[in-house]
PDB file of N, CA and C in Angstrom:
ATOM      1  N   UNK A   1     294.355 167.772 168.136  1.00  0.00           N
ATOM      2  CA  UNK A   1     293.535 166.666 167.824  1.00  0.00           C
ATOM      3  C   UNK A   1     292.267 167.208 167.176  1.00  0.00           C
ATOM      4  N   UNK A   2     291.725 166.490 166.215  1.00  0.00           N
ATOM      5  CA  UNK A   2     290.566 166.891 165.529  1.00  0.00           C
ATOM      6  C   UNK A   2     289.425 165.787 165.650  1.00  0.00           C
ATOM      7  N   UNK A   3     288.265 166.214 165.272  1.00  0.00           N
ATOM      8  CA  UNK A   3     287.196 165.213 165.155  1.00  0.00           C
ATOM      9  C   UNK A   3     286.540 165.309 163.814  1.00  0.00           C
ATOM     10  N   UNK A   4     286.241 164.215 163.209  1.00  0.00           N
ATOM     11  CA  UNK A   4     285.613 164.186 161.863  1.00  0.00           C
ATOM     12  C   UNK A   4     284.335 163.368 161.949  1.00  0.00           C
ATOM     13  N   UNK A   5     283.285 163.890 161.381  1.00  0.00           N
ATOM     14  CA  UNK A   5     282.014 163.177 161.344  1.00  0.00           C
ATOM     15  C   UNK A   5     281.448 163.267 159.907  1.00  0.00           C
ATOM     16  N   UNK A   6     280.862 162.158 159.448  1.00  0.00           N
ATOM     17  CA  UNK A   6     280.239 162.097 158.113  1.00  0.00           C
ATOM     18  C   UNK A   6     278.941 161.438 158.196  1.00  0.00           C
ATOM     19  N   UNK A   7     277.994 161.774 157.274  1.00  0.00           N
ATOM     20  CA  UNK A   7     276.656 161.155 157.250  1.00  0.00           C
ATOM     21  C   UNK A   7     276.165 161.131 155.823  1.00  0.00           C
ATOM     22  N   UNK A   8     275.643 160.015 155.419  1.00  0.00           N
ATOM     23  CA  UNK A   8     274.909 159.875 154.149  1.00  0.00           C
ATOM     24  C   UNK A   8     273.599 159.164 154.491  1.00  0.00           C
ATOM     25  N   UNK A   9     272.471 159.851 154.138  1.00  0.00           N
ATOM     26  CA  UNK A   9     271.205 159.301 154.451  1.00  0.00           C
ATOM     27  C   UNK A   9     270.293 159.214 153.216  1.00  0.00           C
ATOM     28  N   UNK A  10     269.006 158.970 153.494  1.00  0.00           N
ATOM     29  CA  UNK A  10     268.142 158.687 152.377  1.00  0.00           C
ATOM     30  C   UNK A  10     267.062 159.796 152.153  1.00  0.00           C
ATOM     31  N   UNK A  11     266.644 160.434 153.199  1.00  0.00           N
ATOM     32  CA  UNK A  11     265.604 161.468 153.081  1.00  0.00           C
ATOM     33  C   UNK A  11     266.169 162.901 153.255  1.00  0.00           C
ATOM     34  N   UNK A  12     265.573 163.830 152.514  1.00  0.00           N
ATOM     35  CA  UNK A  12     266.043 165.176 152.511  1.00  0.00           C
ATOM     36  C   UNK A  12     265.292 165.978 153.555  1.00  0.00           C
ATOM     37  N   UNK A  13     265.385 165.493 154.836  1.00  0.00           N
ATOM     38  CA  UNK A  13     264.592 166.140 155.848  1.00  0.00           C
ATOM     39  C   UNK A  13     265.508 166.901 156.844  1.00  0.00           C
ATOM     40  N   UNK A  14     266.697 167.192 156.507  1.00  0.00           N
ATOM     41  CA  UNK A  14     267.570 167.928 157.404  1.00  0.00           C
ATOM     42  C   UNK A  14     268.352 167.040 158.330  1.00  0.00           C
ATOM     43  N   UNK A  15     268.171 165.751 158.226  1.00  0.00           N
ATOM     44  CA  UNK A  15     268.841 164.771 159.104  1.00  0.00           C
ATOM     45  C   UNK A  15     270.332 164.892 159.073  1.00  0.00           C
ATOM     46  N   UNK A  16     270.933 165.141 157.981  1.00  0.00           N
ATOM     47  CA  UNK A  16     272.404 165.195 157.791  1.00  0.00           C
ATOM     48  C   UNK A  16     272.967 166.199 158.773  1.00  0.00           C
ATOM     49  N   UNK A  17     272.478 167.375 158.775  1.00  0.00           N
ATOM     50  CA  UNK A  17     272.979 168.414 159.728  1.00  0.00           C
ATOM     51  C   UNK A  17     272.795 167.979 161.164  1.00  0.00           C
ATOM     52  N   UNK A  18     271.602 167.434 161.504  1.00  0.00           N
ATOM     53  CA  UNK A  18     271.376 167.007 162.888  1.00  0.00           C
ATOM     54  C   UNK A  18     272.384 165.981 163.324  1.00  0.00           C
ATOM     55  N   UNK A  19     272.630 164.973 162.465  1.00  0.00           N
ATOM     56  CA  UNK A  19     273.540 163.913 162.818  1.00  0.00           C
ATOM     57  C   UNK A  19     274.987 164.415 162.924  1.00  0.00           C
ATOM     58  N   UNK A  20     275.360 165.229 161.997  1.00  0.00           N
ATOM     59  CA  UNK A  20     276.771 165.760 162.007  1.00  0.00           C
ATOM     60  C   UNK A  20     276.987 166.684 163.238  1.00  0.00           C
ATOM     61  N   UNK A  21     275.991 167.532 163.581  1.00  0.00           N
ATOM     62  CA  UNK A  21     276.176 168.429 164.742  1.00  0.00           C
ATOM     63  C   UNK A  21     276.179 167.587 166.028  1.00  0.00           C
ATOM     64  N   UNK A  22     275.362 166.557 166.072  1.00  0.00           N
ATOM     65  CA  UNK A  22     275.361 165.661 167.257  1.00  0.00           C
ATOM     66  C   UNK A  22     276.684 164.964 167.414  1.00  0.00           C
ATOM     67  N   UNK A  23     277.277 164.477 166.288  1.00  0.00           N
ATOM     68  CA  UNK A  23     278.563 163.872 166.330  1.00  0.00           C
ATOM     69  C   UNK A  23     279.681 164.890 166.796  1.00  0.00           C
ATOM     70  N   UNK A  24     279.606 166.078 166.310  1.00  0.00           N
ATOM     71  CA  UNK A  24     280.594 167.051 166.751  1.00  0.00           C
ATOM     72  C   UNK A  24     280.421 167.328 168.236  1.00  0.00           C
ATOM     73  N   UNK A  25     279.230 167.418 168.769  1.00  0.00           N
ATOM     74  CA  UNK A  25     278.976 167.702 170.159  1.00  0.00           C
ATOM     75  C   UNK A  25     279.588 166.572 171.015  1.00  0.00           C
ATOM     76  N   UNK A  26     279.468 165.329 170.531  1.00  0.00           N
ATOM     77  CA  UNK A  26     279.996 164.181 171.239  1.00  0.00           C
ATOM     78  C   UNK A  26     281.518 164.188 171.279  1.00  0.00           C
ATOM     79  N   UNK A  27     282.146 164.923 170.355  1.00  0.00           N
ATOM     80  CA  UNK A  27     283.637 165.053 170.320  1.00  0.00           C
ATOM     81  C   UNK A  27     284.152 166.237 171.090  1.00  0.00           C
ATOM     82  N   UNK A  28     283.274 167.084 171.644  1.00  0.00           N
ATOM     83  CA  UNK A  28     283.787 168.319 172.292  1.00  0.00           C
ATOM     84  C   UNK A  28     284.790 168.089 173.384  1.00  0.00           C
ATOM     85  N   UNK A  29     284.676 166.999 174.097  1.00  0.00           N
ATOM     86  CA  UNK A  29     285.627 166.761 175.238  1.00  0.00           C
ATOM     87  C   UNK A  29     287.014 166.609 174.801  1.00  0.00           C
ATOM     88  N   UNK A  30     287.255 166.424 173.499  1.00  0.00           N
ATOM     89  CA  UNK A  30     288.633 166.202 173.002  1.00  0.00           C
ATOM     90  C   UNK A  30     289.394 167.510 172.813  1.00  0.00           C
ATOM     91  N   UNK A  31     288.689 168.596 172.853  1.00  0.00           N
ATOM     92  CA  UNK A  31     289.345 169.925 172.706  1.00  0.00           C
ATOM     93  C   UNK A  31     289.482 170.279 171.251  1.00  0.00           C
ATOM     94  N   UNK A  32     289.239 171.583 170.955  1.00  0.00           N
ATOM     95  CA  UNK A  32     289.303 172.070 169.598  1.00  0.00           C
ATOM     96  C   UNK A  32     289.331 173.574 169.668  1.00  0.00           C
ATOM     97  N   UNK A  33     289.585 174.254 168.574  1.00  0.00           N
ATOM     98  CA  UNK A  33     289.569 175.686 168.508  1.00  0.00           C
ATOM     99  C   UNK A  33     288.612 176.254 167.415  1.00  0.00           C
ATOM    100  N   UNK A  34     288.061 175.411 166.616  1.00  0.00           N
ATOM    101  CA  UNK A  34     287.100 175.795 165.598  1.00  0.00           C
ATOM    102  C   UNK A  34     286.341 174.655 165.166  1.00  0.00           C
ATOM    103  N   UNK A  35     285.177 174.889 164.475  1.00  0.00           N
ATOM    104  CA  UNK A  35     284.325 173.781 163.998  1.00  0.00           C
ATOM    105  C   UNK A  35     283.579 174.223 162.723  1.00  0.00           C
ATOM    106  N   UNK A  36     283.292 173.255 161.875  1.00  0.00           N
ATOM    107  CA  UNK A  36     282.560 173.599 160.679  1.00  0.00           C
ATOM    108  C   UNK A  36     281.839 172.373 160.117  1.00  0.00           C
ATOM    109  N   UNK A  37     280.915 172.727 159.188  1.00  0.00           N
ATOM    110  CA  UNK A  37     280.106 171.648 158.511  1.00  0.00           C
ATOM    111  C   UNK A  37     280.015 171.984 157.029  1.00  0.00           C
ATOM    112  N   UNK A  38     279.793 170.918 156.234  1.00  0.00           N
ATOM    113  CA  UNK A  38     279.471 171.086 154.788  1.00  0.00           C
ATOM    114  C   UNK A  38     278.388 170.170 154.477  1.00  0.00           C
ATOM    115  N   UNK A  39     277.372 170.625 153.747  1.00  0.00           N
ATOM    116  CA  UNK A  39     276.267 169.768 153.288  1.00  0.00           C
ATOM    117  C   UNK A  39     276.129 169.886 151.770  1.00  0.00           C
ATOM    118  N   UNK A  40     275.841 168.776 151.196  1.00  0.00           N
ATOM    119  CA  UNK A  40     275.578 168.679 149.746  1.00  0.00           C
ATOM    120  C   UNK A  40     274.199 169.280 149.494  1.00  0.00           C
ATOM    121  N   UNK A  41     274.068 170.230 148.566  1.00  0.00           N
ATOM    122  CA  UNK A  41     272.806 170.828 148.220  1.00  0.00           C
ATOM    123  C   UNK A  41     272.672 170.750 146.716  1.00  0.00           C
ATOM    124  N   UNK A  42     272.002 169.721 146.249  1.00  0.00           N
ATOM    125  CA  UNK A  42     271.909 169.482 144.826  1.00  0.00           C
ATOM    126  C   UNK A  42     273.202 169.137 144.269  1.00  0.00           C
ATOM    127  N   UNK A  43     273.716 170.070 143.381  1.00  0.00           N
ATOM    128  CA  UNK A  43     275.036 169.763 142.787  1.00  0.00           C
ATOM    129  C   UNK A  43     276.188 170.692 143.317  1.00  0.00           C
ATOM    130  N   UNK A  44     275.923 171.315 144.422  1.00  0.00           N
ATOM    131  CA  UNK A  44     276.963 172.122 145.078  1.00  0.00           C
ATOM    132  C   UNK A  44     277.044 171.896 146.544  1.00  0.00           C
ATOM    133  N   UNK A  45     278.077 172.471 147.177  1.00  0.00           N
ATOM    134  CA  UNK A  45     278.270 172.246 148.602  1.00  0.00           C
ATOM    135  C   UNK A  45     278.142 173.540 149.321  1.00  0.00           C
ATOM    136  N   UNK A  46     277.463 173.488 150.419  1.00  0.00           N
ATOM    137  CA  UNK A  46     277.259 174.734 151.273  1.00  0.00           C
ATOM    138  C   UNK A  46     278.081 174.478 152.582  1.00  0.00           C
ATOM    139  N   UNK A  47     278.801 175.468 153.041  1.00  0.00           N
ATOM    140  CA  UNK A  47     279.574 175.279 154.242  1.00  0.00           C
ATOM    141  C   UNK A  47     279.308 176.462 155.219  1.00  0.00           C
ATOM    142  N   UNK A  48     279.465 176.132 156.556  1.00  0.00           N
ATOM    143  CA  UNK A  48     279.463 177.117 157.606  1.00  0.00           C
ATOM    144  C   UNK A  48     280.637 176.682 158.506  1.00  0.00           C
ATOM    145  N   UNK A  49     281.387 177.628 158.991  1.00  0.00           N
ATOM    146  CA  UNK A  49     282.468 177.298 159.899  1.00  0.00           C
ATOM    147  C   UNK A  49     282.759 178.522 160.764  1.00  0.00           C
ATOM    148  N   UNK A  50     283.197 178.239 162.017  1.00  0.00           N
ATOM    149  CA  UNK A  50     283.482 179.357 162.963  1.00  0.00           C
ATOM    150  C   UNK A  50     284.601 178.927 163.865  1.00  0.00           C
ATOM    151  N   UNK A  51     285.403 179.897 164.239  1.00  0.00           N
ATOM    152  CA  UNK A  51     286.446 179.634 165.281  1.00  0.00           C
ATOM    153  C   UNK A  51     285.721 179.660 166.692  1.00  0.00           C
ATOM    154  N   UNK A  52     286.393 179.061 167.592  1.00  0.00           N
ATOM    155  CA  UNK A  52     285.857 179.011 168.974  1.00  0.00           C
ATOM    156  C   UNK A  52     285.045 177.738 169.231  1.00  0.00           C
ATOM    157  N   UNK A  53     284.112 177.907 170.162  1.00  0.00           N
ATOM    158  CA  UNK A  53     283.249 176.811 170.625  1.00  0.00           C
ATOM    159  C   UNK A  53     282.273 176.383 169.592  1.00  0.00           C
ATOM    160  N   UNK A  54     281.784 175.165 169.720  1.00  0.00           N
ATOM    161  CA  UNK A  54     280.694 174.642 168.840  1.00  0.00           C
ATOM    162  C   UNK A  54     279.508 175.554 168.941  1.00  0.00           C
ATOM    163  N   UNK A  55     279.235 176.150 170.027  1.00  0.00           N
ATOM    164  CA  UNK A  55     278.129 177.096 170.144  1.00  0.00           C
ATOM    165  C   UNK A  55     278.241 178.234 169.165  1.00  0.00           C
ATOM    166  N   UNK A  56     279.446 178.647 168.790  1.00  0.00           N
ATOM    167  CA  UNK A  56     279.623 179.707 167.791  1.00  0.00           C
ATOM    168  C   UNK A  56     279.122 179.203 166.445  1.00  0.00           C
ATOM    169  N   UNK A  57     279.413 177.999 166.089  1.00  0.00           N
ATOM    170  CA  UNK A  57     278.887 177.372 164.811  1.00  0.00           C
ATOM    171  C   UNK A  57     277.388 177.227 164.902  1.00  0.00           C
ATOM    172  N   UNK A  58     276.862 176.818 166.039  1.00  0.00           N
ATOM    173  CA  UNK A  58     275.418 176.666 166.191  1.00  0.00           C
ATOM    174  C   UNK A  58     274.756 178.049 165.931  1.00  0.00           C
ATOM    175  N   UNK A  59     275.297 179.088 166.531  1.00  0.00           N
ATOM    176  CA  UNK A  59     274.758 180.453 166.311  1.00  0.00           C
ATOM    177  C   UNK A  59     274.807 180.886 164.882  1.00  0.00           C
ATOM    178  N   UNK A  60     275.871 180.520 164.229  1.00  0.00           N
ATOM    179  CA  UNK A  60     276.070 180.849 162.780  1.00  0.00           C
ATOM    180  C   UNK A  60     274.990 180.103 161.969  1.00  0.00           C
ATOM    181  N   UNK A  61     274.705 178.868 162.302  1.00  0.00           N
ATOM    182  CA  UNK A  61     273.714 178.059 161.571  1.00  0.00           C
ATOM    183  C   UNK A  61     272.307 178.602 161.835  1.00  0.00           C
ATOM    184  N   UNK A  62     272.052 179.159 163.012  1.00  0.00           N
ATOM    185  CA  UNK A  62     270.766 179.759 163.311  1.00  0.00           C
ATOM    186  C   UNK A  62     270.582 181.052 162.549  1.00  0.00           C
ATOM    187  N   UNK A  63     271.688 181.846 162.401  1.00  0.00           N
ATOM    188  CA  UNK A  63     271.629 183.121 161.708  1.00  0.00           C
ATOM    189  C   UNK A  63     271.578 182.902 160.162  1.00  0.00           C
ATOM    190  N   UNK A  64     272.288 181.893 159.721  1.00  0.00           N
ATOM    191  CA  UNK A  64     272.423 181.613 158.253  1.00  0.00           C
ATOM    192  C   UNK A  64     272.230 180.084 158.012  1.00  0.00           C
ATOM    193  N   UNK A  65     271.000 179.628 158.040  1.00  0.00           N
ATOM    194  CA  UNK A  65     270.719 178.198 157.988  1.00  0.00           C
ATOM    195  C   UNK A  65     271.165 177.540 156.656  1.00  0.00           C
ATOM    196  N   UNK A  66     271.498 176.262 156.831  1.00  0.00           N
ATOM    197  CA  UNK A  66     271.879 175.474 155.634  1.00  0.00           C
ATOM    198  C   UNK A  66     270.585 174.803 155.104  1.00  0.00           C
ATOM    199  N   UNK A  67     270.507 174.472 153.846  1.00  0.00           N
ATOM    200  CA  UNK A  67     269.378 173.703 153.314  1.00  0.00           C
ATOM    201  C   UNK A  67     269.391 172.290 153.789  1.00  0.00           C
ATOM    202  N   UNK A  68     268.184 171.685 153.789  1.00  0.00           N
ATOM    203  CA  UNK A  68     268.013 170.259 154.153  1.00  0.00           C
ATOM    204  C   UNK A  68     268.903 169.436 153.239  1.00  0.00           C
ATOM    205  N   UNK A  69     269.507 168.440 153.747  1.00  0.00           N
ATOM    206  CA  UNK A  69     270.428 167.599 152.909  1.00  0.00           C
ATOM    207  C   UNK A  69     270.431 166.189 153.407  1.00  0.00           C
ATOM    208  N   UNK A  70     270.801 165.273 152.528  1.00  0.00           N
ATOM    209  CA  UNK A  70     270.979 163.843 152.887  1.00  0.00           C
ATOM    210  C   UNK A  70     272.487 163.553 153.137  1.00  0.00           C
ATOM    211  N   UNK A  71     273.354 164.449 152.879  1.00  0.00           N
ATOM    212  CA  UNK A  71     274.814 164.216 152.966  1.00  0.00           C
ATOM    213  C   UNK A  71     275.574 165.415 153.600  1.00  0.00           C
ATOM    214  N   UNK A  72     276.347 165.075 154.655  1.00  0.00           N
ATOM    215  CA  UNK A  72     277.122 166.067 155.295  1.00  0.00           C
ATOM    216  C   UNK A  72     278.417 165.560 155.951  1.00  0.00           C
ATOM    217  N   UNK A  73     279.347 166.511 156.148  1.00  0.00           N
ATOM    218  CA  UNK A  73     280.510 166.241 156.921  1.00  0.00           C
ATOM    219  C   UNK A  73     280.721 167.362 157.941  1.00  0.00           C
ATOM    220  N   UNK A  74     281.452 167.081 159.004  1.00  0.00           N
ATOM    221  CA  UNK A  74     281.710 168.084 160.039  1.00  0.00           C
ATOM    222  C   UNK A  74     283.121 167.834 160.622  1.00  0.00           C
ATOM    223  N   UNK A  75     283.631 168.878 161.178  1.00  0.00           N
ATOM    224  CA  UNK A  75     285.044 168.826 161.684  1.00  0.00           C
ATOM    225  C   UNK A  75     285.194 169.760 162.926  1.00  0.00           C
ATOM    226  N   UNK A  76     285.931 169.287 163.895  1.00  0.00           N
ATOM    227  CA  UNK A  76     286.449 170.152 164.946  1.00  0.00           C
ATOM    228  C   UNK A  76     287.939 170.114 164.820  1.00  0.00           C
ATOM    229  N   UNK A  77     288.575 171.240 164.928  1.00  0.00           N
ATOM    230  CA  UNK A  77     290.011 171.426 164.632  1.00  0.00           C
ATOM    231  C   UNK A  77     290.788 171.986 165.846  1.00  0.00           C
ATOM    232  N   UNK A  78     291.930 171.410 165.980  1.00  0.00           N
ATOM    233  CA  UNK A  78     292.932 171.958 166.889  1.00  0.00           C
ATOM    234  C   UNK A  78     294.112 172.433 166.011  1.00  0.00           C
ATOM    235  N   UNK A  79     294.255 173.751 165.951  1.00  0.00           N
ATOM    236  CA  UNK A  79     295.256 174.309 164.981  1.00  0.00           C
ATOM    237  C   UNK A  79     296.662 173.845 165.261  1.00  0.00           C
ATOM    238  N   UNK A  80     297.301 173.347 164.266  1.00  0.00           N
ATOM    239  CA  UNK A  80     298.704 173.009 164.251  1.00  0.00           C
ATOM    240  C   UNK A  80     299.492 173.918 163.238  1.00  0.00           C
ATOM    241  N   UNK A  81     298.832 174.325 162.257  1.00  0.00           N
ATOM    242  CA  UNK A  81     299.356 175.267 161.206  1.00  0.00           C
ATOM    243  C   UNK A  81     298.318 176.247 160.882  1.00  0.00           C
ATOM    244  N   UNK A  82     298.648 177.510 161.004  1.00  0.00           N
ATOM    245  CA  UNK A  82     297.669 178.566 160.787  1.00  0.00           C
ATOM    246  C   UNK A  82     296.858 178.757 162.055  1.00  0.00           C
ATOM    247  N   UNK A  83     296.486 179.989 162.342  1.00  0.00           N
ATOM    248  CA  UNK A  83     295.740 180.305 163.589  1.00  0.00           C
ATOM    249  C   UNK A  83     294.335 179.829 163.608  1.00  0.00           C
ATOM    250  N   UNK A  84     293.757 179.812 164.772  1.00  0.00           N
ATOM    251  CA  UNK A  84     292.336 179.436 164.904  1.00  0.00           C
ATOM    252  C   UNK A  84     291.373 180.562 164.422  1.00  0.00           C
ATOM    253  N   UNK A  85     291.139 180.571 163.146  1.00  0.00           N
ATOM    254  CA  UNK A  85     290.317 181.576 162.558  1.00  0.00           C
ATOM    255  C   UNK A  85     289.137 180.914 161.774  1.00  0.00           C
ATOM    256  N   UNK A  86     288.152 181.727 161.468  1.00  0.00           N
ATOM    257  CA  UNK A  86     287.058 181.216 160.640  1.00  0.00           C
ATOM    258  C   UNK A  86     287.613 180.692 159.322  1.00  0.00           C
ATOM    259  N   UNK A  87     288.489 181.445 158.698  1.00  0.00           N
ATOM    260  CA  UNK A  87     289.034 181.086 157.391  1.00  0.00           C
ATOM    261  C   UNK A  87     289.775 179.717 157.472  1.00  0.00           C
ATOM    262  N   UNK A  88     290.561 179.503 158.591  1.00  0.00           N
ATOM    263  CA  UNK A  88     291.307 178.260 158.667  1.00  0.00           C
ATOM    264  C   UNK A  88     290.500 177.104 159.115  1.00  0.00           C
ATOM    265  N   UNK A  89     289.315 177.351 159.651  1.00  0.00           N
ATOM    266  CA  UNK A  89     288.479 176.240 160.126  1.00  0.00           C
ATOM    267  C   UNK A  89     288.168 175.354 158.905  1.00  0.00           C
ATOM    268  N   UNK A  90     287.846 174.104 159.168  1.00  0.00           N
ATOM    269  CA  UNK A  90     287.467 173.137 158.166  1.00  0.00           C
ATOM    270  C   UNK A  90     285.900 173.054 158.164  1.00  0.00           C
ATOM    271  N   UNK A  91     285.191 172.655 157.107  1.00  0.00           N
ATOM    272  CA  UNK A  91     285.807 172.202 155.843  1.00  0.00           C
ATOM    273  C   UNK A  91     286.265 173.361 154.986  1.00  0.00           C
ATOM    274  N   UNK A  92     287.222 172.999 154.097  1.00  0.00           N
ATOM    275  CA  UNK A  92     287.714 173.930 153.111  1.00  0.00           C
ATOM    276  C   UNK A  92     286.898 173.546 151.846  1.00  0.00           C
ATOM    277  N   UNK A  93     286.412 174.580 151.142  1.00  0.00           N
ATOM    278  CA  UNK A  93     285.635 174.347 149.905  1.00  0.00           C
ATOM    279  C   UNK A  93     286.408 174.883 148.719  1.00  0.00           C
ATOM    280  N   UNK A  94     286.330 174.150 147.645  1.00  0.00           N
ATOM    281  CA  UNK A  94     287.023 174.543 146.430  1.00  0.00           C
ATOM    282  C   UNK A  94     286.651 173.620 145.262  1.00  0.00           C
ATOM    283  N   UNK A  95     287.580 173.419 144.404  1.00  0.00           N
ATOM    284  CA  UNK A  95     287.351 172.627 143.179  1.00  0.00           C
ATOM    285  C   UNK A  95     286.616 173.495 142.149  1.00  0.00           C
ATOM    286  N   UNK A  96     286.289 172.879 141.098  1.00  0.00           N
ATOM    287  CA  UNK A  96     285.493 173.550 140.066  1.00  0.00           C
ATOM    288  C   UNK A  96     284.144 173.842 140.561  1.00  0.00           C
ATOM    289  N   UNK A  97     283.732 175.121 140.524  1.00  0.00           N
ATOM    290  CA  UNK A  97     282.447 175.584 140.896  1.00  0.00           C
ATOM    291  C   UNK A  97     282.184 175.307 142.369  1.00  0.00           C
ATOM    292  N   UNK A  98     283.185 175.200 143.158  1.00  0.00           N
ATOM    293  CA  UNK A  98     282.979 175.001 144.620  1.00  0.00           C
ATOM    294  C   UNK A  98     282.242 173.684 145.012  1.00  0.00           C
ATOM    295  N   UNK A  99     282.469 172.688 144.230  1.00  0.00           N
ATOM    296  CA  UNK A  99     281.723 171.433 144.420  1.00  0.00           C
ATOM    297  C   UNK A  99     282.514 170.413 145.295  1.00  0.00           C
ATOM    298  N   UNK A 100     283.613 170.875 145.909  1.00  0.00           N
ATOM    299  CA  UNK A 100     284.418 169.990 146.757  1.00  0.00           C
ATOM    300  C   UNK A 100     284.559 170.556 148.141  1.00  0.00           C
ATOM    301  N   UNK A 101     284.329 169.707 149.191  1.00  0.00           N
ATOM    302  CA  UNK A 101     284.590 170.106 150.536  1.00  0.00           C
ATOM    303  C   UNK A 101     285.580 169.103 151.116  1.00  0.00           C
ATOM    304  N   UNK A 102     286.602 169.693 151.756  1.00  0.00           N
ATOM    305  CA  UNK A 102     287.697 168.829 152.233  1.00  0.00           C
ATOM    306  C   UNK A 102     287.905 169.048 153.747  1.00  0.00           C
ATOM    307  N   UNK A 103     287.980 167.904 154.406  1.00  0.00           N
ATOM    308  CA  UNK A 103     288.375 167.932 155.817  1.00  0.00           C
ATOM    309  C   UNK A 103     289.537 166.960 155.964  1.00  0.00           C
ATOM    310  N   UNK A 104     290.542 167.344 156.746  1.00  0.00           N
ATOM    311  CA  UNK A 104     291.673 166.440 156.911  1.00  0.00           C
ATOM    312  C   UNK A 104     292.111 166.507 158.376  1.00  0.00           C
ATOM    313  N   UNK A 105     292.897 165.519 158.755  1.00  0.00           N
ATOM    314  CA  UNK A 105     293.498 165.476 160.103  1.00  0.00           C
ATOM    315  C   UNK A 105     295.013 165.607 159.937  1.00  0.00           C
ATOM    316  N   UNK A 106     295.503 166.731 160.342  1.00  0.00           N
ATOM    317  CA  UNK A 106     296.917 166.892 160.323  1.00  0.00           C
ATOM    318  C   UNK A 106     297.420 167.630 159.083  1.00  0.00           C
ATOM    319  N   UNK A 107     298.673 167.314 158.746  1.00  0.00           N
ATOM    320  CA  UNK A 107     299.347 168.012 157.670  1.00  0.00           C
ATOM    321  C   UNK A 107     299.316 167.158 156.363  1.00  0.00           C
ATOM    322  N   UNK A 108     298.969 167.802 155.235  1.00  0.00           N
ATOM    323  CA  UNK A 108     298.964 167.090 153.993  1.00  0.00           C
ATOM    324  C   UNK A 108     300.360 167.287 153.400  1.00  0.00           C
ATOM    325  N   UNK A 109     301.211 166.250 153.573  1.00  0.00           N
ATOM    326  CA  UNK A 109     302.595 166.313 153.259  1.00  0.00           C
ATOM    327  C   UNK A 109     302.874 166.573 151.734  1.00  0.00           C
ATOM    328  N   UNK A 110     302.032 166.079 150.889  1.00  0.00           N
ATOM    329  CA  UNK A 110     302.249 166.222 149.431  1.00  0.00           C
ATOM    330  C   UNK A 110     301.366 167.333 148.854  1.00  0.00           C
ATOM    331  N   UNK A 111     301.112 168.380 149.677  1.00  0.00           N
ATOM    332  CA  UNK A 111     300.176 169.397 149.135  1.00  0.00           C
ATOM    333  C   UNK A 111     300.765 170.124 147.947  1.00  0.00           C
ATOM    334  N   UNK A 112     302.051 170.329 147.862  1.00  0.00           N
ATOM    335  CA  UNK A 112     302.665 170.992 146.672  1.00  0.00           C
ATOM    336  C   UNK A 112     302.353 170.308 145.374  1.00  0.00           C
ATOM    337  N   UNK A 113     302.536 169.010 145.363  1.00  0.00           N
ATOM    338  CA  UNK A 113     302.249 168.251 144.159  1.00  0.00           C
ATOM    339  C   UNK A 113     300.718 168.139 143.864  1.00  0.00           C
ATOM    340  N   UNK A 114     299.949 168.018 144.892  1.00  0.00           N
ATOM    341  CA  UNK A 114     298.449 168.021 144.671  1.00  0.00           C
ATOM    342  C   UNK A 114     298.038 169.383 144.171  1.00  0.00           C
ATOM    343  N   UNK A 115     298.519 170.474 144.742  1.00  0.00           N
ATOM    344  CA  UNK A 115     298.148 171.808 144.280  1.00  0.00           C
ATOM    345  C   UNK A 115     298.585 172.018 142.806  1.00  0.00           C
ATOM    346  N   UNK A 116     299.755 171.642 142.479  1.00  0.00           N
ATOM    347  CA  UNK A 116     300.274 171.782 141.099  1.00  0.00           C
ATOM    348  C   UNK A 116     299.386 171.031 140.116  1.00  0.00           C
ATOM    349  N   UNK A 117     299.020 169.825 140.395  1.00  0.00           N
ATOM    350  CA  UNK A 117     298.111 169.044 139.564  1.00  0.00           C
ATOM    351  C   UNK A 117     296.746 169.631 139.441  1.00  0.00           C
ATOM    352  N   UNK A 118     296.191 170.128 140.474  1.00  0.00           N
ATOM    353  CA  UNK A 118     294.852 170.786 140.456  1.00  0.00           C
ATOM    354  C   UNK A 118     294.906 172.057 139.644  1.00  0.00           C
ATOM    355  N   UNK A 119     295.922 172.837 139.871  1.00  0.00           N
ATOM    356  CA  UNK A 119     296.083 174.103 139.100  1.00  0.00           C
ATOM    357  C   UNK A 119     296.220 173.861 137.580  1.00  0.00           C
ATOM    358  N   UNK A 120     296.963 172.801 137.281  1.00  0.00           N
ATOM    359  CA  UNK A 120     297.151 172.334 135.868  1.00  0.00           C
ATOM    360  C   UNK A 120     295.832 171.962 135.279  1.00  0.00           C
ATOM    361  N   UNK A 121     294.928 171.410 136.085  1.00  0.00           N
ATOM    362  CA  UNK A 121     293.603 170.989 135.608  1.00  0.00           C
ATOM    363  C   UNK A 121     292.585 172.095 135.604  1.00  0.00           C
ATOM    364  N   UNK A 122     293.038 173.330 135.996  1.00  0.00           N
ATOM    365  CA  UNK A 122     292.111 174.536 135.929  1.00  0.00           C
ATOM    366  C   UNK A 122     291.391 174.736 137.181  1.00  0.00           C
ATOM    367  N   UNK A 123     291.647 174.052 138.287  1.00  0.00           N
ATOM    368  CA  UNK A 123     290.975 174.227 139.487  1.00  0.00           C
ATOM    369  C   UNK A 123     291.599 175.484 140.169  1.00  0.00           C
ATOM    370  N   UNK A 124     290.734 176.323 140.719  1.00  0.00           N
ATOM    371  CA  UNK A 124     291.196 177.488 141.435  1.00  0.00           C
ATOM    372  C   UNK A 124     290.955 177.437 142.906  1.00  0.00           C
TER     373      UNK A 124
END
């Protein structure tokens, strides 16, 4: 089972990260093996993600802070495919110039056709 939190606000005072982290904390009882967040910073996306407890992500954010933002997403993951690693934690970032952050719940059944289309469009 996973948890997904999103926030869009008005002021660039760091509220997005606070709201997303509070939301993830409220979902801790559901069980998970990794957690991550993505914040919009101007025209690109910044992510932090860690396997293990939410406290691991909190420590990562203290060591490597994210910029203040009005928009953010967060995810807690229970691995069903791929091990519980930092790399497999969500959000996944990609797209042209790393401007896309993706969180999903479960298996993306049509990933082959999605990947083929994105690669054809030049996305790496």
